[in-house]
Amino acid sequence: MKITVVGANGLIGTELTAKLRRSGHDVTAASLSLGVDTVTGKGLEVVMAGAEAVVDVTNAASFGDSSALDFFKASTKNLLAAAAEADVGHYLALSVVGTPRLVVSDYFRAKMVQENLIRAAGRPYTILRSTQFYEFINGLIDIGARGNVLHLPPAFMRPVAAHDVAGFLADLAAGRPLGDIVEIGGPEQFGIDDIARIYLAANEDGRQVVTDPSTSYFGVQLTDDVLLPGLGARMASEKLSDWLYQSMAA
């Protein structure tokens, strides 16, 4: 199967491209570093030509301002137009669990716009919403950094390994478009404050974690379950402790 991966040099894109190729698919890797600019549309016609499916795992460079909205609007419109021109049979995009409940944040409002554009385009599609990746825990816990003390909310999440997300995306890309949103999360549920304590202990980081429900998550005040996937979500297999062990050994 001929599949185009857009954002192929990112964390998920790299894993996804490798998994698809190992499965025997003909993969075209597209990214800014490879001469494809989704914001201007440069190079899209070439990488879409002949594709049976396209996987959009692009991401904005900034989480904290309106540039995310500018990116996702321009990028998604150009990708959808190029997919329509090439008559691509399946448009698959990666999004974030909880997006509709987090739109107070500039970033999540931008992700909601991306999802809405895909659903309104009239093309066969699948949207995969994922929980936070283990690989981004370090950045996550910094939202509450105040010197050597981390003030973090107890809101629950099910973090997941990037390679598990890439594996599910590979399965979806090789299958029929669902015309719907599906979700994936990790096998364990933690409060953000407890995730930080586990991560810091594993890294022998002596910073203190203070449970503080008032700390915002990228501009959003969290309720207990806003970051959790819904019923019917796919649960990945790799536990946080196993991922930490492997990352320390790497």
Protein backbone atom coordinates (compact mmCIF):
# COMPACT_ATOMS: atom_id res chain seq x y z
CA MET A 1 0.00 0.00 0.00
CA LYS A 2 1.31 3.48 -0.85
CA ILE A 3 1.15 5.72 2.22
CA THR A 4 2.38 9.29 2.69
CA VAL A 5 3.44 10.30 6.20
CA VAL A 6 3.44 14.07 6.71
CA GLY A 7 5.56 15.15 9.66
CA ALA A 8 7.74 12.11 9.13
CA ASN A 9 10.78 13.43 11.02
CA GLY A 10 8.96 14.02 14.31
CA LEU A 11 8.70 11.67 17.30
CA ILE A 12 5.63 9.82 16.03
CA GLY A 13 6.40 10.26 12.34
CA THR A 14 9.80 8.60 12.63
CA GLU A 15 8.36 5.58 14.47
CA LEU A 16 5.38 5.36 12.13
CA THR A 17 7.43 5.52 8.93
CA ALA A 18 9.72 2.74 10.17
CA LYS A 19 6.80 0.51 11.25
CA LEU A 20 4.99 0.92 7.93
CA ARG A 21 8.11 0.14 5.93
CA ARG A 22 8.83 -2.95 8.03
CA SER A 23 5.29 -4.10 7.20
CA GLY A 24 6.06 -3.83 3.48
CA HIS A 25 4.23 -0.60 2.65
CA ASP A 26 5.55 1.90 0.13
CA VAL A 27 6.03 4.97 2.33
CA THR A 28 6.70 8.52 1.19
CA ALA A 29 8.18 10.57 4.03
CA ALA A 30 7.27 14.27 3.98
CA SER A 31 8.50 17.01 6.29
CA LEU A 32 9.86 20.53 6.18
CA SER A 33 13.41 19.22 6.36
CA LEU A 34 12.68 17.07 3.29
CA GLY A 35 11.44 20.04 1.27
CA VAL A 36 7.70 19.80 1.97
CA ASP A 37 6.07 22.85 3.56
CA THR A 38 2.46 22.20 4.53
CA VAL A 39 1.86 25.86 5.45
CA THR A 40 2.71 27.14 1.96
CA GLY A 41 1.79 23.93 0.15
CA LYS A 42 5.27 23.52 -1.32
CA GLY A 43 5.97 19.94 -2.38
CA LEU A 44 2.56 18.52 -1.44
CA GLU A 45 1.51 17.64 -4.99
CA VAL A 46 4.59 15.46 -5.43
CA VAL A 47 4.33 13.54 -2.13
CA MET A 48 0.57 12.97 -2.50
CA ALA A 49 0.78 11.58 -6.03
CA GLY A 50 -0.44 7.99 -6.08
CA ALA A 51 -0.97 7.79 -2.32
CA GLU A 52 -3.77 5.54 -1.08
CA ALA A 53 -3.57 7.00 2.42
CA VAL A 54 -2.02 10.04 4.04
CA VAL A 55 -1.15 10.30 7.72
CA ASP A 56 -0.92 13.80 9.18
CA VAL A 57 1.31 13.82 12.27
CA THR A 58 2.45 17.43 11.86
CA ASN A 59 2.57 19.73 14.88
CA ALA A 60 2.83 23.43 15.58
CA ALA A 61 6.14 24.83 16.80
CA SER A 62 4.50 26.76 19.65
CA PHE A 63 1.91 25.78 22.27
CA GLY A 64 1.42 29.14 23.92
CA ASP A 65 0.09 31.61 21.37
CA SER A 66 -2.05 32.08 18.27
CA SER A 67 0.65 30.72 15.96
CA ALA A 68 -0.68 27.19 16.56
CA LEU A 69 -4.04 28.20 15.09
CA ASP A 70 -2.37 29.82 12.09
CA PHE A 71 -0.33 26.66 11.53
CA PHE A 72 -3.13 24.11 11.78
CA LYS A 73 -5.56 26.14 9.66
CA ALA A 74 -3.11 26.66 6.81
CA SER A 75 -1.47 23.24 7.01
CA THR A 76 -4.70 21.24 7.22
CA LYS A 77 -6.40 23.16 4.42
CA ASN A 78 -3.41 22.61 2.13
CA LEU A 79 -3.14 18.93 3.02
CA LEU A 80 -6.84 18.32 2.44
CA ALA A 81 -6.74 20.13 -0.89
CA ALA A 82 -3.72 18.14 -2.03
CA ALA A 83 -5.35 14.89 -0.86
CA ALA A 84 -8.52 15.74 -2.81
CA GLU A 85 -6.52 16.58 -5.93
CA ALA A 86 -4.68 13.26 -5.69
CA ASP A 87 -7.90 11.39 -4.83
CA VAL A 88 -6.33 9.92 -1.67
CA GLY A 89 -8.70 7.33 -0.23
CA HIS A 90 -7.95 7.78 3.49
CA TYR A 91 -6.97 10.89 5.45
CA LEU A 92 -5.69 9.93 8.91
CA ALA A 93 -4.68 12.55 11.48
CA LEU A 94 -3.29 12.47 15.01
CA SER A 95 -4.98 14.63 17.64
CA VAL A 96 -5.20 14.82 21.44
CA VAL A 97 -7.54 13.21 23.96
CA GLY A 98 -9.74 15.83 25.61
CA THR A 99 -9.43 18.39 22.81
CA PRO A 100 -13.12 19.49 22.81
CA ARG A 101 -12.94 20.11 26.57
CA LEU A 102 -9.67 22.06 26.43
CA VAL A 103 -10.46 24.74 23.84
CA VAL A 104 -9.82 27.57 26.33
CA SER A 105 -6.18 26.88 25.44
CA ASP A 106 -4.88 28.40 22.19
CA TYR A 107 -3.23 25.11 21.26
CA PHE A 108 -6.25 22.90 21.84
CA ARG A 109 -8.54 25.37 20.11
CA ALA A 110 -6.20 25.03 17.12
CA LYS A 111 -6.43 21.22 17.31
CA MET A 112 -10.22 21.47 17.39
CA VAL A 113 -10.11 23.58 14.22
CA GLN A 114 -7.91 20.96 12.60
CA GLU A 115 -10.37 18.19 13.49
CA ASN A 116 -13.35 20.22 12.25
CA LEU A 117 -11.67 20.96 8.93
CA ILE A 118 -11.00 17.26 8.38
CA ARG A 119 -14.56 16.24 9.23
CA ALA A 120 -16.06 18.96 7.03
CA ALA A 121 -13.89 18.21 3.98
CA GLY A 122 -16.02 15.35 2.68
CA ARG A 123 -13.05 12.98 2.37
CA PRO A 124 -12.86 9.52 3.96
CA TYR A 125 -11.03 10.08 7.23
CA THR A 126 -10.00 8.75 10.63
CA ILE A 127 -8.88 10.90 13.57
CA LEU A 128 -6.85 9.28 16.35
CA ARG A 129 -6.80 11.14 19.65
CA SER A 130 -3.94 10.13 21.94
CA THR A 131 -3.14 10.85 25.56
CA GLN A 132 0.17 12.47 26.55
CA PHE A 133 3.32 10.59 25.50
CA TYR A 134 5.79 9.28 28.09
CA GLU A 135 8.47 11.03 26.04
CA PHE A 136 6.92 14.42 26.87
CA ILE A 137 6.56 13.95 30.63
CA ASN A 138 9.59 16.14 31.28
CA GLY A 139 7.97 19.05 29.48
CA LEU A 140 4.63 18.32 31.12
CA ILE A 141 5.91 18.61 34.65
CA ASP A 142 7.60 21.93 33.88
CA ILE A 143 4.18 23.62 33.62
CA GLY A 144 4.27 24.00 37.40
CA ALA A 145 7.94 24.76 37.92
CA ARG A 146 8.68 27.41 40.53
CA GLY A 147 12.37 27.19 41.16
CA ASN A 148 13.08 23.74 42.59
CA VAL A 149 9.45 23.12 43.48
CA LEU A 150 6.85 21.77 41.02
CA HIS A 151 3.22 22.74 41.63
CA LEU A 152 1.13 20.23 39.69
CA PRO A 153 -2.56 19.33 39.54
CA PRO A 154 -3.87 15.90 40.58
CA ALA A 155 -6.00 15.55 37.43
CA PHE A 156 -5.83 12.05 35.98
CA MET A 157 -4.28 10.93 32.71
CA ARG A 158 -3.20 7.71 31.02
CA PRO A 159 0.20 8.50 29.46
CA VAL A 160 1.31 6.28 26.58
CA ALA A 161 4.51 5.26 24.80
CA ALA A 162 5.05 6.95 21.44
CA HIS A 163 5.79 3.64 19.73
CA ASP A 164 2.42 2.25 20.85
CA VAL A 165 0.68 5.26 19.30
CA ALA A 166 2.71 4.85 16.11
CA GLY A 167 1.77 1.17 16.00
CA PHE A 168 -1.95 1.93 16.23
CA LEU A 169 -1.60 4.63 13.56
CA ALA A 170 0.09 2.07 11.31
CA ASP A 171 -2.83 -0.33 11.79
CA LEU A 172 -5.34 2.43 11.04
CA ALA A 173 -3.45 3.63 7.97
CA ALA A 174 -3.50 0.15 6.46
CA GLY A 175 -7.22 -0.25 7.12
CA ARG A 176 -10.42 1.32 5.86
CA PRO A 177 -11.28 4.88 6.90
CA LEU A 178 -13.61 4.90 9.89
CA GLY A 179 -15.21 8.30 9.33
CA ASP A 180 -14.93 8.80 13.06
CA ILE A 181 -12.69 9.66 16.01
CA VAL A 182 -10.95 6.88 17.94
CA GLU A 183 -8.76 7.16 21.03
CA ILE A 184 -5.70 5.54 22.57
CA GLY A 185 -4.31 5.77 26.09
CA GLY A 186 -1.80 4.01 28.29
CA PRO A 187 -2.54 1.01 30.51
CA GLU A 188 -2.26 2.90 33.81
CA GLN A 189 -3.98 5.92 35.32
CA PHE A 190 -2.05 8.51 37.36
CA GLY A 191 -2.52 12.00 38.65
CA ILE A 192 -0.20 14.46 36.93
CA ASP A 193 1.42 15.14 40.33
CA ASP A 194 2.08 11.42 40.86
CA ILE A 195 3.48 10.99 37.34
CA ALA A 196 5.96 13.74 38.17
CA ARG A 197 7.00 12.07 41.42
CA ILE A 198 7.60 8.75 39.67
CA TYR A 199 9.53 10.38 36.82
CA LEU A 200 11.68 12.51 39.13
CA ALA A 201 12.52 9.56 41.39
CA ALA A 202 13.54 7.44 38.41
CA ASN A 203 15.84 10.22 37.21
CA GLU A 204 17.24 10.90 40.70
CA ASP A 205 15.89 14.43 40.47
CA GLY A 206 15.45 15.91 43.93
CA ARG A 207 12.87 18.56 43.11
CA GLN A 208 9.77 18.56 45.29
CA VAL A 209 6.26 18.09 43.91
CA VAL A 210 3.39 19.97 45.53
CA THR A 211 -0.17 18.93 44.65
CA ASP A 212 -1.86 22.12 43.48
CA PRO A 213 -5.24 21.90 41.68
CA SER A 214 -4.98 25.58 40.72
CA THR A 215 -2.03 24.99 38.37
CA SER A 216 -3.26 25.24 34.79
CA TYR A 217 -2.51 22.79 32.01
CA PHE A 218 -1.33 24.94 29.09
CA GLY A 219 -3.85 27.59 30.15
CA VAL A 220 -6.70 25.25 31.17
CA GLN A 221 -7.96 24.55 34.69
CA LEU A 222 -8.37 20.79 34.79
CA THR A 223 -11.13 18.65 36.21
CA ASP A 224 -10.30 15.13 37.36
CA ASP A 225 -11.18 13.31 34.13
CA VAL A 226 -10.78 15.82 31.29
CA LEU A 227 -7.54 14.18 30.06
CA LEU A 228 -8.84 10.62 30.17
CA PRO A 229 -9.93 8.71 27.05
CA GLY A 230 -13.54 7.63 26.84
CA LEU A 231 -15.14 4.20 26.87
CA GLY A 232 -14.03 2.06 23.96
CA ALA A 233 -10.57 3.61 23.70
CA ARG A 234 -7.70 1.36 22.76
CA MET A 235 -5.39 0.72 25.71
CA ALA A 236 -1.69 0.43 24.88
CA SER A 237 0.45 -2.20 26.56
CA GLU A 238 3.66 -0.57 27.78
CA LYS A 239 3.62 0.51 31.42
CA LEU A 240 5.35 3.65 32.65
CA SER A 241 7.81 1.66 34.77
CA ASP A 242 8.86 -0.43 31.76
CA TRP A 243 9.29 2.66 29.60
CA LEU A 244 11.37 4.37 32.30
CA TYR A 245 13.58 1.28 32.63
CA GLN A 246 14.17 1.14 28.88
CA SER A 247 14.81 4.87 28.59
CA MET A 248 17.37 4.73 31.40
CA ALA A 249 19.11 1.77 29.74
CA ALA A 250 19.26 3.45 26.33
